[in-house]
Amino acid sequence: MARPAQPAPPSDGRGALRTLAHPLRSRLLAELRVHGQATATELAAALGTHTGATSYHLRRLAEVGLVEDTGTGGGRRRVWRAAPLPEAAVALGRSEDEPLDEDEAQAVDWLAQDYLAHFGDRAHAWLRARAEWGLTWQQVCGLEDHTVQVTAEQATALRAELLEVLERYRRVGQGNPAAKRVVVYTCALPVDRHA
């Protein structure tokens, strides 16, 4: 019998940064975000680790509100999912205005480096596999860049508009057998020197 889904516990925001700054935890969260809900056993197989490690780290992520138990399954068959984005952003302290302390700043830097490595892995995997995909998929997927000239306020508006478009397309292909999941990375990087 399925248990009711367990709501994510309240997070202090700062603890989530420290909790997530661990290679396996960041990979677990990424795996759940991209591939959807899974058991610790399924995650262990996908990430090449063992179930005990994934179970332990899933519980740590749940303690700070980044993942949650769906309430289905039990024991070793518990099913986990990534917390919805607004809750996850709050858990990471994104709504707080106070500056990060040194440990938190190092955790944020580590997460950015890990995210970049994860992106690199995905990009390399696509380059190796793209010939297996149809021509249309080869034309619409892959790496590209676009240079724009904006103020900080305009960059903020640009980001908000891009997120709005991505949210609109989040599940538009659901139920269509021709639809494939596509991960879209956004990365605004300054080209000019800071004056």
N, C-alpha and C. Protein backbone atom coordinates (compact mmCIF):
# COMPACT_ATOMS: atom_id res chain seq x y z
N MET A 1 0.85 -1.18 0.00
CA MET A 1 0.00 0.00 0.00
C MET A 1 0.89 1.25 0.00
N ALA A 2 0.58 2.20 -0.83
CA ALA A 2 1.40 3.40 -0.96
C ALA A 2 1.18 4.33 0.23
N ARG A 3 2.28 4.89 0.69
CA ARG A 3 2.19 5.90 1.74
C ARG A 3 1.94 7.25 1.10
N PRO A 4 1.35 8.21 1.82
CA PRO A 4 1.20 9.54 1.24
C PRO A 4 2.58 10.16 1.05
N ALA A 5 2.70 10.99 0.01
CA ALA A 5 3.98 11.65 -0.26
C ALA A 5 4.39 12.47 0.95
N GLN A 6 5.67 12.43 1.24
CA GLN A 6 6.19 13.17 2.38
C GLN A 6 6.62 14.56 1.92
N PRO A 7 6.09 15.62 2.51
CA PRO A 7 6.52 16.94 2.11
C PRO A 7 7.97 17.17 2.53
N ALA A 8 8.67 17.98 1.74
CA ALA A 8 10.05 18.29 2.08
C ALA A 8 10.07 19.09 3.37
N PRO A 9 10.98 18.77 4.29
CA PRO A 9 11.06 19.52 5.52
C PRO A 9 11.56 20.92 5.26
N PRO A 10 11.26 21.87 6.15
CA PRO A 10 11.76 23.21 5.93
C PRO A 10 13.28 23.22 5.96
N SER A 11 13.87 24.06 5.15
CA SER A 11 15.32 24.12 5.06
C SER A 11 15.81 25.46 5.57
N ASP A 12 17.02 25.46 6.13
CA ASP A 12 17.60 26.72 6.55
C ASP A 12 18.27 27.43 5.38
N GLY A 13 18.22 26.84 4.19
CA GLY A 13 18.79 27.48 3.01
C GLY A 13 20.27 27.26 2.89
N ARG A 14 21.01 27.59 3.93
CA ARG A 14 22.46 27.49 3.88
C ARG A 14 22.92 26.05 3.99
N GLY A 15 22.22 25.23 4.74
CA GLY A 15 22.59 23.83 4.88
C GLY A 15 22.46 23.09 3.56
N ALA A 16 21.52 23.53 2.71
CA ALA A 16 21.34 22.87 1.41
C ALA A 16 22.57 23.02 0.54
N LEU A 17 23.20 24.18 0.59
CA LEU A 17 24.42 24.38 -0.20
C LEU A 17 25.50 23.40 0.22
N ARG A 18 25.70 23.30 1.53
CA ARG A 18 26.74 22.38 2.02
C ARG A 18 26.37 20.93 1.72
N THR A 19 25.10 20.61 1.83
CA THR A 19 24.65 19.25 1.57
C THR A 19 24.85 18.88 0.11
N LEU A 20 24.54 19.79 -0.79
CA LEU A 20 24.62 19.51 -2.21
C LEU A 20 26.05 19.51 -2.73
N ALA A 21 26.97 20.13 -2.01
CA ALA A 21 28.37 20.21 -2.46
C ALA A 21 29.09 18.89 -2.20
N HIS A 22 28.58 17.85 -2.81
CA HIS A 22 29.14 16.50 -2.70
C HIS A 22 28.89 15.86 -4.07
N PRO A 23 29.90 15.24 -4.67
CA PRO A 23 29.73 14.74 -6.04
C PRO A 23 28.54 13.82 -6.25
N LEU A 24 28.34 12.85 -5.36
CA LEU A 24 27.23 11.92 -5.57
C LEU A 24 25.89 12.61 -5.37
N ARG A 25 25.80 13.50 -4.40
CA ARG A 25 24.53 14.18 -4.15
C ARG A 25 24.13 15.06 -5.33
N SER A 26 25.09 15.77 -5.89
CA SER A 26 24.76 16.62 -7.03
C SER A 26 24.34 15.76 -8.23
N ARG A 27 24.97 14.60 -8.40
CA ARG A 27 24.61 13.71 -9.51
C ARG A 27 23.22 13.08 -9.28
N LEU A 28 22.93 12.72 -8.03
CA LEU A 28 21.60 12.18 -7.72
C LEU A 28 20.52 13.20 -8.06
N LEU A 29 20.72 14.43 -7.64
CA LEU A 29 19.72 15.46 -7.92
C LEU A 29 19.60 15.69 -9.42
N ALA A 30 20.72 15.75 -10.13
CA ALA A 30 20.68 15.93 -11.58
C ALA A 30 19.95 14.77 -12.25
N GLU A 31 20.22 13.56 -11.81
CA GLU A 31 19.58 12.37 -12.40
C GLU A 31 18.07 12.43 -12.20
N LEU A 32 17.62 12.80 -10.99
CA LEU A 32 16.19 12.89 -10.73
C LEU A 32 15.55 14.03 -11.52
N ARG A 33 16.24 15.14 -11.68
CA ARG A 33 15.69 16.26 -12.44
C ARG A 33 15.54 15.90 -13.91
N VAL A 34 16.52 15.20 -14.47
CA VAL A 34 16.48 14.89 -15.90
C VAL A 34 15.61 13.68 -16.20
N HIS A 35 15.73 12.61 -15.40
CA HIS A 35 15.06 11.36 -15.73
C HIS A 35 13.80 11.09 -14.92
N GLY A 36 13.49 11.92 -13.95
CA GLY A 36 12.29 11.72 -13.18
C GLY A 36 12.50 10.81 -11.99
N GLN A 37 11.42 10.43 -11.35
CA GLN A 37 11.50 9.67 -10.11
C GLN A 37 12.15 8.31 -10.28
N ALA A 38 12.78 7.85 -9.20
CA ALA A 38 13.51 6.57 -9.25
C ALA A 38 13.74 6.07 -7.83
N THR A 39 14.05 4.79 -7.73
CA THR A 39 14.43 4.21 -6.45
C THR A 39 15.94 4.37 -6.27
N ALA A 40 16.40 4.16 -5.05
CA ALA A 40 17.84 4.22 -4.78
C ALA A 40 18.58 3.17 -5.60
N THR A 41 17.97 2.00 -5.79
CA THR A 41 18.58 0.94 -6.59
C THR A 41 18.74 1.37 -8.04
N GLU A 42 17.70 1.97 -8.60
CA GLU A 42 17.77 2.45 -9.99
C GLU A 42 18.81 3.55 -10.15
N LEU A 43 18.87 4.43 -9.17
CA LEU A 43 19.86 5.51 -9.22
C LEU A 43 21.28 4.96 -9.10
N ALA A 44 21.45 3.97 -8.23
CA ALA A 44 22.77 3.36 -8.08
C ALA A 44 23.23 2.74 -9.39
N ALA A 45 22.33 2.07 -10.09
CA ALA A 45 22.68 1.46 -11.38
C ALA A 45 23.03 2.54 -12.41
N ALA A 46 22.25 3.61 -12.44
CA ALA A 46 22.47 4.68 -13.42
C ALA A 46 23.79 5.40 -13.18
N LEU A 47 24.18 5.53 -11.91
CA LEU A 47 25.37 6.31 -11.56
C LEU A 47 26.59 5.45 -11.25
N GLY A 48 26.44 4.15 -11.36
CA GLY A 48 27.58 3.27 -11.14
C GLY A 48 28.08 3.24 -9.71
N THR A 49 27.16 3.27 -8.76
CA THR A 49 27.54 3.20 -7.35
C THR A 49 26.69 2.10 -6.70
N HIS A 50 26.63 2.07 -5.38
CA HIS A 50 25.84 1.03 -4.71
C HIS A 50 24.65 1.65 -3.97
N THR A 51 23.66 0.83 -3.75
CA THR A 51 22.39 1.28 -3.19
C THR A 51 22.54 1.91 -1.81
N GLY A 52 23.42 1.38 -0.98
CA GLY A 52 23.61 1.95 0.36
C GLY A 52 24.03 3.41 0.28
N ALA A 53 24.93 3.72 -0.64
CA ALA A 53 25.40 5.10 -0.80
C ALA A 53 24.28 5.99 -1.32
N THR A 54 23.55 5.51 -2.33
CA THR A 54 22.49 6.36 -2.86
C THR A 54 21.40 6.58 -1.83
N SER A 55 21.03 5.55 -1.08
CA SER A 55 20.01 5.71 -0.04
C SER A 55 20.43 6.75 1.00
N TYR A 56 21.66 6.64 1.47
CA TYR A 56 22.16 7.57 2.47
C TYR A 56 22.11 9.01 1.94
N HIS A 57 22.63 9.22 0.74
CA HIS A 57 22.71 10.57 0.21
C HIS A 57 21.35 11.13 -0.20
N LEU A 58 20.42 10.27 -0.60
CA LEU A 58 19.06 10.72 -0.87
C LEU A 58 18.40 11.24 0.41
N ARG A 59 18.64 10.55 1.52
CA ARG A 59 18.08 11.02 2.79
C ARG A 59 18.67 12.36 3.19
N ARG A 60 19.96 12.57 2.94
CA ARG A 60 20.58 13.86 3.25
C ARG A 60 19.97 14.97 2.38
N LEU A 61 19.76 14.67 1.10
CA LEU A 61 19.14 15.66 0.21
C LEU A 61 17.70 15.95 0.63
N ALA A 62 16.99 14.94 1.10
CA ALA A 62 15.61 15.13 1.56
C ALA A 62 15.56 15.99 2.81
N GLU A 63 16.55 15.85 3.68
CA GLU A 63 16.58 16.63 4.93
C GLU A 63 16.60 18.13 4.66
N VAL A 64 17.17 18.54 3.53
CA VAL A 64 17.25 19.97 3.22
C VAL A 64 16.27 20.38 2.12
N GLY A 65 15.36 19.47 1.75
CA GLY A 65 14.28 19.83 0.84
C GLY A 65 14.61 19.81 -0.64
N LEU A 66 15.71 19.17 -1.04
CA LEU A 66 16.06 19.13 -2.46
C LEU A 66 15.45 17.93 -3.19
N VAL A 67 15.20 16.84 -2.47
CA VAL A 67 14.48 15.70 -3.03
C VAL A 67 13.39 15.32 -2.03
N GLU A 68 12.45 14.53 -2.51
CA GLU A 68 11.37 14.09 -1.62
C GLU A 68 10.94 12.68 -1.96
N ASP A 69 10.46 12.00 -0.94
CA ASP A 69 9.90 10.66 -1.07
C ASP A 69 8.52 10.83 -1.70
N THR A 70 8.22 10.07 -2.77
CA THR A 70 6.93 10.21 -3.44
C THR A 70 5.79 9.59 -2.64
N GLY A 71 6.16 8.77 -1.64
CA GLY A 71 5.12 8.09 -0.87
C GLY A 71 4.75 6.74 -1.47
N THR A 72 5.36 6.40 -2.59
CA THR A 72 5.11 5.08 -3.19
C THR A 72 6.31 4.20 -2.88
N GLY A 73 6.08 2.93 -2.84
CA GLY A 73 7.16 2.01 -2.50
C GLY A 73 7.42 2.03 -1.01
N GLY A 74 8.34 1.20 -0.60
CA GLY A 74 8.68 1.14 0.81
C GLY A 74 10.04 0.51 0.99
N GLY A 75 10.67 0.80 2.09
CA GLY A 75 11.99 0.24 2.37
C GLY A 75 12.97 0.57 1.26
N ARG A 76 13.59 -0.46 0.70
CA ARG A 76 14.56 -0.25 -0.38
C ARG A 76 13.90 0.14 -1.69
N ARG A 77 12.60 0.01 -1.76
CA ARG A 77 11.86 0.34 -2.99
C ARG A 77 11.21 1.72 -2.91
N ARG A 78 11.64 2.55 -1.96
CA ARG A 78 11.10 3.91 -1.88
C ARG A 78 11.40 4.63 -3.19
N VAL A 79 10.45 5.41 -3.64
CA VAL A 79 10.62 6.15 -4.89
C VAL A 79 10.85 7.62 -4.55
N TRP A 80 11.91 8.17 -5.13
CA TRP A 80 12.33 9.54 -4.86
C TRP A 80 12.12 10.41 -6.09
N ARG A 81 11.91 11.70 -5.86
CA ARG A 81 11.84 12.66 -6.96
C ARG A 81 12.52 13.95 -6.52
N ALA A 82 12.93 14.73 -7.50
CA ALA A 82 13.50 16.05 -7.19
C ALA A 82 12.37 16.94 -6.69
N ALA A 83 12.67 17.78 -5.72
CA ALA A 83 11.67 18.72 -5.22
C ALA A 83 11.31 19.69 -6.34
N PRO A 84 10.08 20.18 -6.35
CA PRO A 84 9.71 21.18 -7.36
C PRO A 84 10.67 22.37 -7.32
N LEU A 85 10.88 23.01 -8.44
CA LEU A 85 11.89 24.07 -8.55
C LEU A 85 11.75 25.20 -7.53
N PRO A 86 10.56 25.75 -7.28
CA PRO A 86 10.52 26.85 -6.30
C PRO A 86 11.02 26.43 -4.92
N GLU A 87 10.63 25.22 -4.48
CA GLU A 87 11.08 24.76 -3.17
C GLU A 87 12.58 24.52 -3.18
N ALA A 88 13.09 23.96 -4.28
CA ALA A 88 14.52 23.70 -4.36
C ALA A 88 15.31 25.01 -4.35
N ALA A 89 14.81 26.03 -5.05
CA ALA A 89 15.51 27.32 -5.06
C ALA A 89 15.54 27.92 -3.68
N VAL A 90 14.43 27.81 -2.94
CA VAL A 90 14.42 28.32 -1.56
C VAL A 90 15.39 27.52 -0.71
N ALA A 91 15.42 26.20 -0.91
CA ALA A 91 16.33 25.36 -0.13
C ALA A 91 17.77 25.75 -0.38
N LEU A 92 18.08 26.22 -1.57
CA LEU A 92 19.45 26.64 -1.87
C LEU A 92 19.73 28.07 -1.43
N GLY A 93 18.76 28.72 -0.79
CA GLY A 93 19.01 30.04 -0.25
C GLY A 93 18.95 31.14 -1.28
N ARG A 94 18.32 30.90 -2.42
CA ARG A 94 18.31 31.89 -3.49
C ARG A 94 17.47 33.10 -3.17
N SER A 95 16.59 33.00 -2.20
CA SER A 95 15.75 34.14 -1.88
C SER A 95 16.37 35.03 -0.81
N GLU A 96 17.52 34.64 -0.31
CA GLU A 96 18.15 35.40 0.76
C GLU A 96 19.08 36.47 0.19
N ASP A 97 19.11 37.64 0.84
CA ASP A 97 19.93 38.75 0.38
C ASP A 97 21.28 38.82 1.08
N GLU A 98 21.43 38.16 2.22
CA GLU A 98 22.68 38.25 2.95
C GLU A 98 23.80 37.53 2.22
N PRO A 99 25.02 38.04 2.30
CA PRO A 99 26.13 37.41 1.58
C PRO A 99 26.46 36.03 2.17
N LEU A 100 27.03 35.20 1.31
CA LEU A 100 27.44 33.86 1.74
C LEU A 100 28.70 33.95 2.59
N ASP A 101 28.82 33.06 3.57
CA ASP A 101 30.08 33.01 4.31
C ASP A 101 31.09 32.24 3.47
N GLU A 102 32.33 32.12 3.94
CA GLU A 102 33.40 31.52 3.14
C GLU A 102 33.09 30.07 2.76
N ASP A 103 32.58 29.28 3.71
CA ASP A 103 32.25 27.88 3.41
C ASP A 103 31.14 27.79 2.37
N GLU A 104 30.13 28.63 2.50
CA GLU A 104 29.03 28.62 1.55
C GLU A 104 29.50 29.07 0.17
N ALA A 105 30.35 30.08 0.13
CA ALA A 105 30.89 30.55 -1.15
C ALA A 105 31.70 29.44 -1.83
N GLN A 106 32.48 28.69 -1.03
CA GLN A 106 33.24 27.57 -1.60
C GLN A 106 32.30 26.49 -2.10
N ALA A 107 31.20 26.24 -1.39
CA ALA A 107 30.22 25.25 -1.83
C ALA A 107 29.59 25.67 -3.16
N VAL A 108 29.26 26.96 -3.28
CA VAL A 108 28.67 27.47 -4.52
C VAL A 108 29.67 27.33 -5.67
N ASP A 109 30.94 27.66 -5.41
CA ASP A 109 31.97 27.50 -6.45
C ASP A 109 32.12 26.04 -6.87
N TRP A 110 32.14 25.15 -5.88
CA TRP A 110 32.26 23.72 -6.19
C TRP A 110 31.08 23.26 -7.04
N LEU A 111 29.87 23.70 -6.66
CA LEU A 111 28.68 23.30 -7.41
C LEU A 111 28.75 23.81 -8.85
N ALA A 112 29.22 25.04 -9.04
CA ALA A 112 29.35 25.59 -10.39
C ALA A 112 30.34 24.77 -11.21
N GLN A 113 31.47 24.40 -10.60
CA GLN A 113 32.46 23.58 -11.31
C GLN A 113 31.88 22.20 -11.65
N ASP A 114 31.15 21.62 -10.70
CA ASP A 114 30.54 20.31 -10.93
C ASP A 114 29.49 20.39 -12.03
N TYR A 115 28.70 21.45 -12.01
CA TYR A 115 27.67 21.67 -13.03
C TYR A 115 28.32 21.79 -14.40
N LEU A 116 29.43 22.53 -14.48
CA LEU A 116 30.15 22.69 -15.74
C LEU A 116 30.68 21.35 -16.24
N ALA A 117 31.23 20.54 -15.34
CA ALA A 117 31.72 19.21 -15.72
C ALA A 117 30.56 18.34 -16.21
N HIS A 118 29.42 18.43 -15.53
CA HIS A 118 28.24 17.66 -15.91
C HIS A 118 27.78 18.08 -17.31
N PHE A 119 27.76 19.39 -17.55
CA PHE A 119 27.40 19.89 -18.88
C PHE A 119 28.38 19.36 -19.93
N GLY A 120 29.67 19.42 -19.63
CA GLY A 120 30.68 18.91 -20.56
C GLY A 120 30.46 17.46 -20.90
N ASP A 121 30.16 16.65 -19.88
CA ASP A 121 29.89 15.23 -20.10
C ASP A 121 28.71 15.03 -21.05
N ARG A 122 27.63 15.80 -20.82
CA ARG A 122 26.45 15.68 -21.67
C ARG A 122 26.74 16.13 -23.10
N ALA A 123 27.48 17.23 -23.23
CA ALA A 123 27.80 17.75 -24.56
C ALA A 123 28.67 16.75 -25.33
N HIS A 124 29.65 16.17 -24.66
CA HIS A 124 30.51 15.16 -25.31
C HIS A 124 29.69 13.93 -25.70
N ALA A 125 28.76 13.50 -24.85
CA ALA A 125 27.92 12.35 -25.16
C ALA A 125 27.08 12.62 -26.40
N TRP A 126 26.55 13.84 -26.52
CA TRP A 126 25.77 14.19 -27.71
C TRP A 126 26.65 14.17 -28.96
N LEU A 127 27.84 14.73 -28.87
CA LEU A 127 28.72 14.75 -30.04
C LEU A 127 29.06 13.34 -30.51
N ARG A 128 29.22 12.42 -29.57
CA ARG A 128 29.53 11.03 -29.93
C ARG A 128 28.32 10.32 -30.54
N ALA A 129 27.11 10.68 -30.08
CA ALA A 129 25.91 9.93 -30.47
C ALA A 129 25.08 10.61 -31.56
N ARG A 130 25.38 11.83 -31.93
CA ARG A 130 24.47 12.58 -32.81
C ARG A 130 24.26 11.92 -34.17
N ALA A 131 25.23 11.20 -34.69
CA ALA A 131 25.05 10.54 -35.99
C ALA A 131 23.94 9.49 -35.95
N GLU A 132 23.60 9.00 -34.76
CA GLU A 132 22.55 8.00 -34.61
C GLU A 132 21.15 8.62 -34.67
N TRP A 133 21.07 9.94 -34.59
CA TRP A 133 19.80 10.66 -34.57
C TRP A 133 19.48 11.15 -35.98
N GLY A 134 18.22 11.40 -36.22
CA GLY A 134 17.79 11.92 -37.51
C GLY A 134 18.35 13.31 -37.78
N LEU A 135 18.29 13.72 -39.04
CA LEU A 135 18.86 15.00 -39.46
C LEU A 135 18.23 16.18 -38.72
N THR A 136 16.92 16.14 -38.53
CA THR A 136 16.26 17.26 -37.83
C THR A 136 16.78 17.40 -36.42
N TRP A 137 16.89 16.27 -35.69
CA TRP A 137 17.44 16.33 -34.33
C TRP A 137 18.87 16.84 -34.35
N GLN A 138 19.66 16.44 -35.33
CA GLN A 138 21.04 16.91 -35.42
C GLN A 138 21.09 18.42 -35.65
N GLN A 139 20.11 18.96 -36.36
CA GLN A 139 20.09 20.39 -36.65
C GLN A 139 19.61 21.23 -35.47
N VAL A 140 18.71 20.69 -34.65
CA VAL A 140 18.14 21.50 -33.57
C VAL A 140 18.83 21.29 -32.23
N CYS A 141 19.63 20.24 -32.10
CA CYS A 141 20.33 20.00 -30.84
C CYS A 141 21.82 20.26 -31.00
N GLY A 142 22.44 20.65 -29.95
CA GLY A 142 23.88 20.85 -29.98
C GLY A 142 24.27 22.20 -29.40
N LEU A 143 25.48 22.58 -29.68
CA LEU A 143 26.06 23.77 -29.08
C LEU A 143 25.92 24.97 -30.02
N GLU A 144 25.55 26.09 -29.47
CA GLU A 144 25.52 27.34 -30.22
C GLU A 144 25.62 28.48 -29.23
N ASP A 145 26.05 29.63 -29.72
CA ASP A 145 26.09 30.79 -28.84
C ASP A 145 25.55 32.01 -29.58
N HIS A 146 25.07 32.95 -28.82
CA HIS A 146 24.47 34.17 -29.34
C HIS A 146 24.98 35.33 -28.49
N THR A 147 25.59 36.31 -29.12
CA THR A 147 26.09 37.47 -28.39
C THR A 147 25.03 38.57 -28.40
N VAL A 148 24.76 39.12 -27.25
CA VAL A 148 23.83 40.24 -27.12
C VAL A 148 24.53 41.34 -26.34
N GLN A 149 24.07 42.57 -26.48
CA GLN A 149 24.63 43.68 -25.71
C GLN A 149 23.52 44.25 -24.86
N VAL A 150 23.64 44.09 -23.54
CA VAL A 150 22.56 44.43 -22.62
C VAL A 150 23.12 45.05 -21.35
N THR A 151 22.25 45.77 -20.66
CA THR A 151 22.57 46.24 -19.31
C THR A 151 22.27 45.10 -18.34
N ALA A 152 22.63 45.27 -17.09
CA ALA A 152 22.33 44.25 -16.08
C ALA A 152 20.82 44.04 -15.96
N GLU A 153 20.06 45.13 -16.03
CA GLU A 153 18.61 45.02 -15.93
C GLU A 153 18.04 44.29 -17.15
N GLN A 154 18.57 44.58 -18.34
CA GLN A 154 18.11 43.90 -19.54
C GLN A 154 18.49 42.42 -19.52
N ALA A 155 19.66 42.10 -18.98
CA ALA A 155 20.07 40.71 -18.84
C ALA A 155 19.12 39.96 -17.91
N THR A 156 18.68 40.63 -16.86
CA THR A 156 17.71 40.04 -15.94
C THR A 156 16.40 39.75 -16.66
N ALA A 157 15.94 40.69 -17.48
CA ALA A 157 14.70 40.49 -18.24
C ALA A 157 14.87 39.38 -19.27
N LEU A 158 16.03 39.33 -19.92
CA LEU A 158 16.32 38.28 -20.90
C LEU A 158 16.24 36.91 -20.24
N ARG A 159 16.86 36.78 -19.09
CA ARG A 159 16.85 35.51 -18.36
C ARG A 159 15.42 35.10 -18.00
N ALA A 160 14.64 36.07 -17.51
CA ALA A 160 13.25 35.78 -17.14
C ALA A 160 12.44 35.32 -18.35
N GLU A 161 12.65 35.95 -19.49
CA GLU A 161 11.92 35.56 -20.70
C GLU A 161 12.33 34.16 -21.16
N LEU A 162 13.62 33.85 -21.10
CA LEU A 162 14.07 32.52 -21.49
C LEU A 162 13.48 31.46 -20.58
N LEU A 163 13.46 31.73 -19.28
CA LEU A 163 12.88 30.78 -18.33
C LEU A 163 11.39 30.58 -18.59
N GLU A 164 10.71 31.67 -18.96
CA GLU A 164 9.29 31.59 -19.27
C GLU A 164 9.05 30.68 -20.49
N VAL A 165 9.87 30.83 -21.52
CA VAL A 165 9.74 29.99 -22.71
C VAL A 165 10.02 28.53 -22.36
N LEU A 166 11.09 28.29 -21.59
CA LEU A 166 11.43 26.92 -21.21
C LEU A 166 10.32 26.29 -20.38
N GLU A 167 9.72 27.06 -19.49
CA GLU A 167 8.62 26.53 -18.68
C GLU A 167 7.42 26.17 -19.56
N ARG A 168 7.17 27.00 -20.57
CA ARG A 168 6.06 26.73 -21.49
C ARG A 168 6.27 25.41 -22.24
N TYR A 169 7.52 25.08 -22.54
CA TYR A 169 7.82 23.86 -23.29
C TYR A 169 8.15 22.67 -22.41
N ARG A 170 8.09 22.83 -21.09
CA ARG A 170 8.51 21.77 -20.18
C ARG A 170 7.85 20.43 -20.48
N ARG A 171 6.55 20.42 -20.70
CA ARG A 171 5.84 19.15 -20.91
C ARG A 171 4.96 19.18 -22.15
N VAL A 172 5.26 20.05 -23.10
CA VAL A 172 4.40 20.21 -24.27
C VAL A 172 4.32 18.94 -25.12
N GLY A 173 5.36 18.13 -25.11
CA GLY A 173 5.36 16.90 -25.92
C GLY A 173 4.89 15.67 -25.18
N GLN A 174 4.46 15.84 -23.94
CA GLN A 174 4.06 14.70 -23.12
C GLN A 174 2.97 13.89 -23.80
N GLY A 175 3.14 12.57 -23.87
CA GLY A 175 2.17 11.69 -24.49
C GLY A 175 2.40 11.48 -25.98
N ASN A 176 3.29 12.25 -26.58
CA ASN A 176 3.59 12.12 -28.01
C ASN A 176 4.78 11.18 -28.17
N PRO A 177 4.62 10.05 -28.84
CA PRO A 177 5.73 9.09 -28.96
C PRO A 177 6.93 9.65 -29.73
N ALA A 178 6.73 10.69 -30.53
CA ALA A 178 7.85 11.29 -31.27
C ALA A 178 8.64 12.28 -30.40
N ALA A 179 8.10 12.64 -29.23
CA ALA A 179 8.76 13.62 -28.36
C ALA A 179 9.91 12.97 -27.60
N LYS A 180 10.99 13.70 -27.45
CA LYS A 180 12.16 13.26 -26.68
C LYS A 180 12.44 14.32 -25.63
N ARG A 181 12.97 13.88 -24.50
CA ARG A 181 13.38 14.86 -23.48
C ARG A 181 14.67 15.52 -23.95
N VAL A 182 14.72 16.83 -23.84
CA VAL A 182 15.88 17.62 -24.24
C VAL A 182 16.25 18.52 -23.06
N VAL A 183 17.50 18.51 -22.68
CA VAL A 183 17.94 19.41 -21.61
C VAL A 183 18.51 20.66 -22.28
N VAL A 184 18.08 21.83 -21.82
CA VAL A 184 18.53 23.10 -22.38
C VAL A 184 19.33 23.82 -21.30
N TYR A 185 20.58 24.06 -21.57
CA TYR A 185 21.44 24.80 -20.64
C TYR A 185 21.46 26.26 -21.05
N THR A 186 21.39 27.14 -20.08
CA THR A 186 21.57 28.56 -20.38
C THR A 186 22.78 29.03 -19.59
N CYS A 187 23.56 29.88 -20.21
CA CYS A 187 24.78 30.33 -19.55
C CYS A 187 25.17 31.69 -20.11
N ALA A 188 24.80 32.73 -19.42
CA ALA A 188 25.18 34.09 -19.84
C ALA A 188 26.55 34.41 -19.26
N LEU A 189 27.51 34.65 -20.12
CA LEU A 189 28.88 34.94 -19.68
C LEU A 189 29.33 36.29 -20.25
N PRO A 190 29.83 37.19 -19.41
CA PRO A 190 30.29 38.47 -19.94
C PRO A 190 31.49 38.29 -20.86
N VAL A 191 31.52 39.06 -21.94
CA VAL A 191 32.63 39.02 -22.89
C VAL A 191 33.55 40.21 -22.62
N ASP A 192 32.97 41.38 -22.35
CA ASP A 192 33.76 42.58 -22.07
C ASP A 192 34.38 42.50 -20.69
N ARG A 193 35.47 43.22 -20.52
CA ARG A 193 36.10 43.29 -19.20
C ARG A 193 35.25 44.15 -18.26
N HIS A 194 35.28 43.80 -16.98
CA HIS A 194 34.56 44.59 -16.00
C HIS A 194 35.33 45.88 -15.75
N ALA A 195 34.65 47.01 -15.88
CA ALA A 195 35.32 48.30 -15.71
C ALA A 195 35.23 48.77 -14.27
